[in-house]
Amino acid sequence: MPTKEINEFHVIDTIEEANKTPRVVLENNKLKKQTKISGKVLEAQYQIGENFLILVTEGNPFEEALYIYYFSASLQLMDSLELSATYAEGMVRNISLSDSGNINFSFFDNDEQWVLKVHSNPKFSFFSNKYPVKRKMSCFHKSWLSLSKS
């Protein structure tokens, strides 16, 4: 599926409560639909076929988390990942789109390279994520996203 960088989503509001992960309300300009997700800063957005890939951070470089969301064309959540480590600094840097459609970036360290793949068909995964990659869905499910350090 072709992947292209887009600029269709924008932040409507941020929701911050004590001792809770910040949340952001995003709106898709074309669809005129909104969604609430964890995070605060919209880092990148892509269209993959008819679907959307959103990268959001908490905006705290001293203990940062990257949230990756894969939405259908109607903004139904299809898959999500989190990249974070307790007390670890992080910042999304060097984001690039490879010829194969993968998204490459640095997060914890400039010298490391993370590769985010969006599969054309969901794959069953069983404990496929290794720390610091986290998934909130059940341990045995179909996943569209895979994230690995290269």
N, C-alpha and C. Protein backbone atom coordinates (compact mmCIF):
# COMPACT_ATOMS: atom_id res chain seq x y z
N MET A 1 0.83 -1.18 0.00
CA MET A 1 0.00 0.00 0.00
C MET A 1 0.88 1.24 0.00
N PRO A 2 0.54 2.22 -0.80
CA PRO A 2 1.35 3.44 -0.84
C PRO A 2 1.21 4.24 0.47
N THR A 3 2.33 4.77 0.93
CA THR A 3 2.37 5.58 2.14
C THR A 3 2.78 6.99 1.76
N LYS A 4 2.02 7.97 2.26
CA LYS A 4 2.40 9.36 1.98
C LYS A 4 2.18 10.21 3.22
N GLU A 5 3.06 11.18 3.40
CA GLU A 5 2.92 12.11 4.50
C GLU A 5 1.76 13.04 4.20
N ILE A 6 0.95 13.33 5.23
CA ILE A 6 -0.23 14.18 5.03
C ILE A 6 -0.24 15.29 6.09
N ASN A 7 -1.19 16.19 5.94
CA ASN A 7 -1.39 17.27 6.90
C ASN A 7 -2.89 17.46 7.12
N GLU A 8 -3.62 16.35 7.33
CA GLU A 8 -5.08 16.39 7.45
C GLU A 8 -5.56 16.49 8.89
N PHE A 9 -4.71 16.15 9.84
CA PHE A 9 -5.11 16.16 11.25
C PHE A 9 -4.54 17.39 11.94
N HIS A 10 -5.32 17.94 12.87
CA HIS A 10 -4.81 19.02 13.69
C HIS A 10 -5.36 18.86 15.11
N VAL A 11 -4.64 19.46 16.06
CA VAL A 11 -5.00 19.35 17.47
C VAL A 11 -6.11 20.35 17.77
N ILE A 12 -7.20 19.83 18.33
CA ILE A 12 -8.33 20.67 18.75
C ILE A 12 -8.16 21.07 20.21
N ASP A 13 -7.74 20.12 21.05
CA ASP A 13 -7.65 20.36 22.49
C ASP A 13 -6.69 19.36 23.11
N THR A 14 -6.10 19.73 24.24
CA THR A 14 -5.31 18.79 25.04
C THR A 14 -5.99 18.67 26.40
N ILE A 15 -5.97 17.47 26.95
CA ILE A 15 -6.61 17.19 28.23
C ILE A 15 -5.51 16.71 29.18
N GLU A 16 -5.25 17.50 30.21
CA GLU A 16 -4.22 17.14 31.18
C GLU A 16 -4.84 17.07 32.56
N GLU A 17 -4.67 15.91 33.22
CA GLU A 17 -5.13 15.70 34.57
C GLU A 17 -3.96 15.20 35.39
N ALA A 18 -3.94 15.56 36.65
CA ALA A 18 -2.84 15.16 37.54
C ALA A 18 -2.69 13.64 37.56
N ASN A 19 -1.44 13.17 37.46
CA ASN A 19 -1.09 11.75 37.53
C ASN A 19 -1.71 10.89 36.44
N LYS A 20 -2.08 11.50 35.32
CA LYS A 20 -2.62 10.74 34.20
C LYS A 20 -1.87 11.12 32.93
N THR A 21 -1.84 10.19 32.00
CA THR A 21 -1.23 10.46 30.70
C THR A 21 -2.04 11.54 30.00
N PRO A 22 -1.36 12.57 29.44
CA PRO A 22 -2.12 13.59 28.73
C PRO A 22 -2.83 12.98 27.51
N ARG A 23 -3.95 13.58 27.15
CA ARG A 23 -4.70 13.13 25.97
C ARG A 23 -4.89 14.32 25.05
N VAL A 24 -5.04 14.02 23.79
CA VAL A 24 -5.23 15.05 22.78
C VAL A 24 -6.47 14.72 21.96
N VAL A 25 -7.17 15.77 21.57
CA VAL A 25 -8.31 15.62 20.67
C VAL A 25 -7.83 16.05 19.30
N LEU A 26 -7.84 15.09 18.35
CA LEU A 26 -7.43 15.37 16.98
C LEU A 26 -8.65 15.43 16.08
N GLU A 27 -8.59 16.31 15.09
CA GLU A 27 -9.66 16.37 14.09
C GLU A 27 -9.05 16.17 12.71
N ASN A 28 -9.74 15.38 11.90
CA ASN A 28 -9.35 15.21 10.51
C ASN A 28 -10.10 16.27 9.70
N ASN A 29 -9.36 17.15 9.03
CA ASN A 29 -9.96 18.26 8.28
C ASN A 29 -10.92 17.79 7.20
N LYS A 30 -10.56 16.74 6.48
CA LYS A 30 -11.39 16.28 5.37
C LYS A 30 -12.63 15.54 5.85
N LEU A 31 -12.48 14.68 6.84
CA LEU A 31 -13.59 13.88 7.34
C LEU A 31 -14.49 14.65 8.30
N LYS A 32 -13.95 15.72 8.90
CA LYS A 32 -14.66 16.49 9.93
C LYS A 32 -15.05 15.58 11.09
N LYS A 33 -14.13 14.65 11.44
CA LYS A 33 -14.32 13.75 12.57
C LYS A 33 -13.20 13.96 13.56
N GLN A 34 -13.51 13.69 14.83
CA GLN A 34 -12.53 13.84 15.89
C GLN A 34 -12.29 12.51 16.59
N THR A 35 -11.11 12.41 17.22
CA THR A 35 -10.77 11.25 18.03
C THR A 35 -9.90 11.71 19.19
N LYS A 36 -10.03 11.03 20.34
CA LYS A 36 -9.22 11.31 21.53
C LYS A 36 -8.21 10.19 21.69
N ILE A 37 -6.95 10.56 21.85
CA ILE A 37 -5.89 9.56 22.01
C ILE A 37 -4.89 10.03 23.06
N SER A 38 -4.12 9.10 23.60
CA SER A 38 -3.06 9.45 24.54
C SER A 38 -1.98 10.23 23.82
N GLY A 39 -1.41 11.18 24.51
CA GLY A 39 -0.36 12.01 23.93
C GLY A 39 -0.75 13.47 23.99
N LYS A 40 0.13 14.31 23.47
CA LYS A 40 -0.09 15.75 23.53
C LYS A 40 0.39 16.47 22.27
N VAL A 41 1.50 16.00 21.71
CA VAL A 41 2.11 16.68 20.57
C VAL A 41 2.00 15.79 19.33
N LEU A 42 1.37 16.29 18.28
CA LEU A 42 1.26 15.57 17.01
C LEU A 42 2.60 15.67 16.29
N GLU A 43 3.30 14.54 16.18
CA GLU A 43 4.65 14.53 15.61
C GLU A 43 4.66 14.28 14.10
N ALA A 44 3.81 13.35 13.65
CA ALA A 44 3.79 13.01 12.22
C ALA A 44 2.47 12.33 11.90
N GLN A 45 2.08 12.40 10.63
CA GLN A 45 0.85 11.77 10.17
C GLN A 45 1.03 11.30 8.73
N TYR A 46 0.47 10.12 8.47
CA TYR A 46 0.63 9.50 7.16
C TYR A 46 -0.71 8.89 6.72
N GLN A 47 -0.87 8.80 5.42
CA GLN A 47 -1.98 8.06 4.86
C GLN A 47 -1.40 6.82 4.20
N ILE A 48 -1.98 5.67 4.54
CA ILE A 48 -1.51 4.40 3.99
C ILE A 48 -2.72 3.76 3.33
N GLY A 49 -2.76 3.82 2.01
CA GLY A 49 -3.98 3.43 1.31
C GLY A 49 -5.07 4.39 1.72
N GLU A 50 -6.17 3.87 2.28
CA GLU A 50 -7.26 4.71 2.78
C GLU A 50 -7.13 5.00 4.27
N ASN A 51 -6.19 4.35 4.95
CA ASN A 51 -6.06 4.43 6.40
C ASN A 51 -5.05 5.49 6.82
N PHE A 52 -5.00 5.74 8.15
CA PHE A 52 -4.15 6.79 8.69
C PHE A 52 -3.23 6.26 9.78
N LEU A 53 -2.01 6.76 9.79
CA LEU A 53 -1.03 6.45 10.81
C LEU A 53 -0.65 7.76 11.50
N ILE A 54 -0.77 7.78 12.83
CA ILE A 54 -0.53 9.00 13.60
C ILE A 54 0.54 8.72 14.64
N LEU A 55 1.53 9.61 14.77
CA LEU A 55 2.57 9.52 15.79
C LEU A 55 2.42 10.73 16.72
N VAL A 56 2.27 10.44 18.03
CA VAL A 56 2.03 11.48 19.03
C VAL A 56 2.95 11.24 20.22
N THR A 57 3.49 12.32 20.80
CA THR A 57 4.29 12.21 22.02
C THR A 57 3.61 12.97 23.15
N GLU A 58 4.12 12.76 24.36
CA GLU A 58 3.57 13.45 25.53
C GLU A 58 4.11 14.87 25.67
N GLY A 59 5.17 15.20 24.97
CA GLY A 59 5.74 16.55 25.07
C GLY A 59 6.60 16.75 26.30
N ASN A 60 7.16 15.66 26.84
CA ASN A 60 8.03 15.74 28.00
C ASN A 60 9.33 15.02 27.68
N PRO A 61 10.34 15.72 27.17
CA PRO A 61 11.57 15.04 26.73
C PRO A 61 12.35 14.37 27.85
N PHE A 62 12.03 14.64 29.11
CA PHE A 62 12.77 14.02 30.22
C PHE A 62 12.23 12.64 30.59
N GLU A 63 11.00 12.35 30.21
CA GLU A 63 10.43 11.01 30.38
C GLU A 63 9.35 10.88 29.31
N GLU A 64 9.78 10.69 28.09
CA GLU A 64 8.90 10.76 26.93
C GLU A 64 8.33 9.41 26.56
N ALA A 65 7.17 9.44 25.94
CA ALA A 65 6.54 8.25 25.36
C ALA A 65 6.07 8.62 23.96
N LEU A 66 6.24 7.70 23.03
CA LEU A 66 5.74 7.85 21.67
C LEU A 66 4.57 6.90 21.51
N TYR A 67 3.44 7.44 21.07
CA TYR A 67 2.24 6.64 20.81
C TYR A 67 2.02 6.59 19.31
N ILE A 68 1.79 5.38 18.81
CA ILE A 68 1.60 5.17 17.37
C ILE A 68 0.21 4.57 17.19
N TYR A 69 -0.59 5.22 16.38
CA TYR A 69 -1.98 4.79 16.16
C TYR A 69 -2.22 4.54 14.68
N TYR A 70 -2.93 3.45 14.40
CA TYR A 70 -3.32 3.12 13.02
C TYR A 70 -4.84 3.11 12.97
N PHE A 71 -5.42 4.04 12.21
CA PHE A 71 -6.86 4.22 12.11
C PHE A 71 -7.37 3.83 10.72
N SER A 72 -8.60 3.35 10.68
CA SER A 72 -9.26 3.09 9.41
C SER A 72 -9.65 4.43 8.78
N ALA A 73 -10.17 4.38 7.57
CA ALA A 73 -10.60 5.58 6.86
C ALA A 73 -11.73 6.29 7.59
N SER A 74 -12.45 5.57 8.46
CA SER A 74 -13.55 6.19 9.23
C SER A 74 -13.11 6.51 10.67
N LEU A 75 -11.82 6.51 10.93
CA LEU A 75 -11.19 6.81 12.21
C LEU A 75 -11.51 5.79 13.31
N GLN A 76 -11.70 4.54 12.93
CA GLN A 76 -11.80 3.46 13.90
C GLN A 76 -10.39 2.95 14.18
N LEU A 77 -10.04 2.82 15.46
CA LEU A 77 -8.70 2.36 15.82
C LEU A 77 -8.51 0.91 15.42
N MET A 78 -7.48 0.64 14.62
CA MET A 78 -7.19 -0.71 14.16
C MET A 78 -6.04 -1.34 14.95
N ASP A 79 -5.07 -0.50 15.36
CA ASP A 79 -3.92 -1.01 16.09
C ASP A 79 -3.20 0.18 16.73
N SER A 80 -2.42 -0.10 17.79
CA SER A 80 -1.63 0.95 18.41
C SER A 80 -0.42 0.34 19.12
N LEU A 81 0.61 1.15 19.25
CA LEU A 81 1.84 0.78 19.95
C LEU A 81 2.30 1.95 20.80
N GLU A 82 3.10 1.64 21.81
CA GLU A 82 3.74 2.68 22.62
C GLU A 82 5.22 2.35 22.70
N LEU A 83 6.05 3.37 22.56
CA LEU A 83 7.49 3.23 22.73
C LEU A 83 7.89 4.12 23.90
N SER A 84 8.26 3.50 25.03
CA SER A 84 8.64 4.29 26.20
C SER A 84 9.41 3.43 27.19
N ALA A 85 10.14 4.10 28.05
CA ALA A 85 10.87 3.44 29.14
C ALA A 85 10.84 4.39 30.33
N THR A 86 10.59 3.85 31.50
CA THR A 86 10.51 4.66 32.72
C THR A 86 11.79 5.46 32.92
N TYR A 87 11.63 6.73 33.18
CA TYR A 87 12.73 7.67 33.45
C TYR A 87 13.70 7.81 32.28
N ALA A 88 13.26 7.49 31.08
CA ALA A 88 14.14 7.60 29.91
C ALA A 88 13.78 8.83 29.09
N GLU A 89 14.81 9.58 28.73
CA GLU A 89 14.60 10.72 27.85
C GLU A 89 14.32 10.23 26.44
N GLY A 90 13.53 10.99 25.72
CA GLY A 90 13.24 10.62 24.35
C GLY A 90 12.79 11.82 23.55
N MET A 91 13.02 11.75 22.26
CA MET A 91 12.56 12.78 21.34
C MET A 91 12.53 12.16 19.95
N VAL A 92 11.43 12.33 19.26
CA VAL A 92 11.32 11.79 17.90
C VAL A 92 12.19 12.66 16.99
N ARG A 93 13.13 12.02 16.31
CA ARG A 93 14.04 12.75 15.42
C ARG A 93 14.27 11.92 14.15
N ASN A 94 14.74 12.59 13.15
CA ASN A 94 15.19 11.94 11.90
C ASN A 94 14.10 11.05 11.29
N ILE A 95 12.85 11.51 11.29
CA ILE A 95 11.77 10.73 10.69
C ILE A 95 11.93 10.73 9.18
N SER A 96 11.87 9.54 8.61
CA SER A 96 11.94 9.45 7.15
C SER A 96 11.09 8.28 6.67
N LEU A 97 10.64 8.38 5.47
CA LEU A 97 9.82 7.36 4.83
C LEU A 97 10.70 6.62 3.84
N SER A 98 10.83 5.32 4.02
CA SER A 98 11.68 4.53 3.12
C SER A 98 10.95 4.23 1.82
N ASP A 99 11.69 3.75 0.83
CA ASP A 99 11.10 3.38 -0.46
C ASP A 99 10.07 2.26 -0.31
N SER A 100 10.25 1.42 0.71
CA SER A 100 9.34 0.29 0.92
C SER A 100 8.09 0.71 1.71
N GLY A 101 8.02 1.97 2.14
CA GLY A 101 6.87 2.45 2.88
C GLY A 101 7.02 2.38 4.38
N ASN A 102 8.16 1.89 4.86
CA ASN A 102 8.42 1.86 6.30
C ASN A 102 8.77 3.26 6.79
N ILE A 103 8.52 3.51 8.06
CA ILE A 103 8.86 4.80 8.65
C ILE A 103 10.03 4.56 9.60
N ASN A 104 11.11 5.29 9.36
CA ASN A 104 12.32 5.18 10.16
C ASN A 104 12.47 6.42 11.02
N PHE A 105 12.94 6.25 12.25
CA PHE A 105 13.15 7.40 13.13
C PHE A 105 14.08 7.03 14.27
N SER A 106 14.58 8.04 14.96
CA SER A 106 15.35 7.88 16.19
C SER A 106 14.44 8.32 17.32
N PHE A 107 14.65 7.75 18.51
CA PHE A 107 13.84 8.18 19.64
C PHE A 107 14.67 8.39 20.90
N PHE A 108 15.22 7.36 21.48
CA PHE A 108 15.99 7.51 22.72
C PHE A 108 17.36 8.10 22.47
N ASP A 109 17.97 7.76 21.34
CA ASP A 109 19.33 8.16 21.03
C ASP A 109 19.42 8.42 19.53
N ASN A 110 20.18 9.43 19.15
CA ASN A 110 20.33 9.75 17.72
C ASN A 110 20.94 8.61 16.93
N ASP A 111 21.77 7.78 17.58
CA ASP A 111 22.48 6.71 16.87
C ASP A 111 21.63 5.47 16.65
N GLU A 112 20.49 5.37 17.34
CA GLU A 112 19.63 4.20 17.15
C GLU A 112 18.62 4.50 16.04
N GLN A 113 18.18 3.45 15.41
CA GLN A 113 17.20 3.60 14.33
C GLN A 113 16.05 2.64 14.58
N TRP A 114 14.84 3.17 14.63
CA TRP A 114 13.64 2.36 14.77
C TRP A 114 12.95 2.26 13.42
N VAL A 115 12.38 1.09 13.14
CA VAL A 115 11.67 0.86 11.88
C VAL A 115 10.24 0.47 12.21
N LEU A 116 9.31 1.27 11.72
CA LEU A 116 7.88 1.02 11.91
C LEU A 116 7.32 0.49 10.59
N LYS A 117 6.74 -0.70 10.66
CA LYS A 117 6.13 -1.32 9.47
C LYS A 117 4.63 -1.39 9.67
N VAL A 118 3.90 -1.07 8.61
CA VAL A 118 2.46 -1.27 8.59
C VAL A 118 2.21 -2.38 7.58
N HIS A 119 1.69 -3.49 8.05
CA HIS A 119 1.47 -4.65 7.20
C HIS A 119 0.19 -4.47 6.37
N SER A 120 0.19 -4.99 5.16
CA SER A 120 -0.99 -4.87 4.30
C SER A 120 -2.14 -5.74 4.79
N ASN A 121 -1.81 -6.79 5.53
CA ASN A 121 -2.81 -7.65 6.17
C ASN A 121 -2.38 -7.86 7.61
N PRO A 122 -3.34 -7.90 8.54
CA PRO A 122 -2.94 -8.10 9.94
C PRO A 122 -2.35 -9.47 10.14
N LYS A 123 -1.39 -9.54 11.05
CA LYS A 123 -0.73 -10.80 11.36
C LYS A 123 -0.98 -11.14 12.82
N PHE A 124 -1.16 -12.43 13.10
CA PHE A 124 -1.29 -12.85 14.48
C PHE A 124 0.05 -12.68 15.16
N SER A 125 0.01 -12.11 16.33
CA SER A 125 1.26 -11.96 17.08
C SER A 125 1.03 -12.50 18.49
N PHE A 126 2.03 -13.15 18.99
CA PHE A 126 1.96 -13.71 20.33
C PHE A 126 3.20 -13.26 21.08
N PHE A 127 3.04 -12.30 21.95
CA PHE A 127 4.15 -11.72 22.70
C PHE A 127 5.28 -11.26 21.76
N SER A 128 4.90 -10.60 20.67
CA SER A 128 5.90 -10.20 19.68
C SER A 128 6.61 -8.89 20.03
N ASN A 129 6.10 -8.16 21.01
CA ASN A 129 6.73 -6.88 21.36
C ASN A 129 7.67 -7.06 22.54
N LYS A 130 8.85 -6.50 22.37
CA LYS A 130 9.86 -6.57 23.42
C LYS A 130 10.09 -5.17 23.96
N TYR A 131 10.29 -5.09 25.28
CA TYR A 131 10.54 -3.82 25.94
C TYR A 131 11.59 -3.05 25.17
N PRO A 132 11.39 -1.79 24.90
CA PRO A 132 10.45 -0.81 25.40
C PRO A 132 9.21 -0.61 24.53
N VAL A 133 8.91 -1.56 23.63
CA VAL A 133 7.69 -1.47 22.80
C VAL A 133 6.56 -2.14 23.57
N LYS A 134 5.43 -1.44 23.66
CA LYS A 134 4.29 -1.94 24.43
C LYS A 134 3.04 -1.89 23.56
N ARG A 135 2.14 -2.83 23.84
CA ARG A 135 0.87 -2.88 23.13
C ARG A 135 -0.22 -3.10 24.18
N LYS A 136 -1.28 -2.31 24.14
CA LYS A 136 -2.34 -2.43 25.14
C LYS A 136 -3.36 -3.51 24.80
N MET A 137 -3.30 -4.04 23.61
CA MET A 137 -4.25 -5.07 23.22
C MET A 137 -3.84 -6.41 23.82
N SER A 138 -4.71 -7.40 23.69
CA SER A 138 -4.43 -8.71 24.28
C SER A 138 -3.15 -9.30 23.70
N CYS A 139 -2.59 -10.26 24.41
CA CYS A 139 -1.29 -10.82 24.01
C CYS A 139 -1.38 -11.62 22.70
N PHE A 140 -2.56 -12.13 22.36
CA PHE A 140 -2.71 -12.89 21.12
C PHE A 140 -3.79 -12.22 20.28
N HIS A 141 -3.38 -11.49 19.30
CA HIS A 141 -4.31 -10.72 18.49
C HIS A 141 -3.71 -10.50 17.10
N LYS A 142 -4.52 -10.00 16.22
CA LYS A 142 -4.03 -9.61 14.90
C LYS A 142 -3.48 -8.19 14.99
N SER A 143 -2.28 -8.00 14.49
CA SER A 143 -1.67 -6.69 14.55
C SER A 143 -1.27 -6.21 13.16
N TRP A 144 -1.50 -4.95 12.93
CA TRP A 144 -1.11 -4.29 11.68
C TRP A 144 0.27 -3.69 11.77
N LEU A 145 0.68 -3.32 12.98
CA LEU A 145 1.93 -2.58 13.19
C LEU A 145 3.01 -3.45 13.79
N SER A 146 4.24 -3.23 13.37
CA SER A 146 5.39 -3.83 14.04
C SER A 146 6.48 -2.77 14.13
N LEU A 147 7.15 -2.74 15.26
CA LEU A 147 8.19 -1.76 15.52
C LEU A 147 9.41 -2.48 16.04
N SER A 148 10.54 -2.23 15.41
CA SER A 148 11.77 -2.89 15.82
C SER A 148 12.95 -1.94 15.69
N LYS A 149 13.97 -2.21 16.48
CA LYS A 149 15.20 -1.44 16.39
C LYS A 149 16.09 -2.09 15.37
N SER A 150 16.61 -1.30 14.44
CA SER A 150 17.47 -1.90 13.39
C SER A 150 18.93 -1.81 13.77
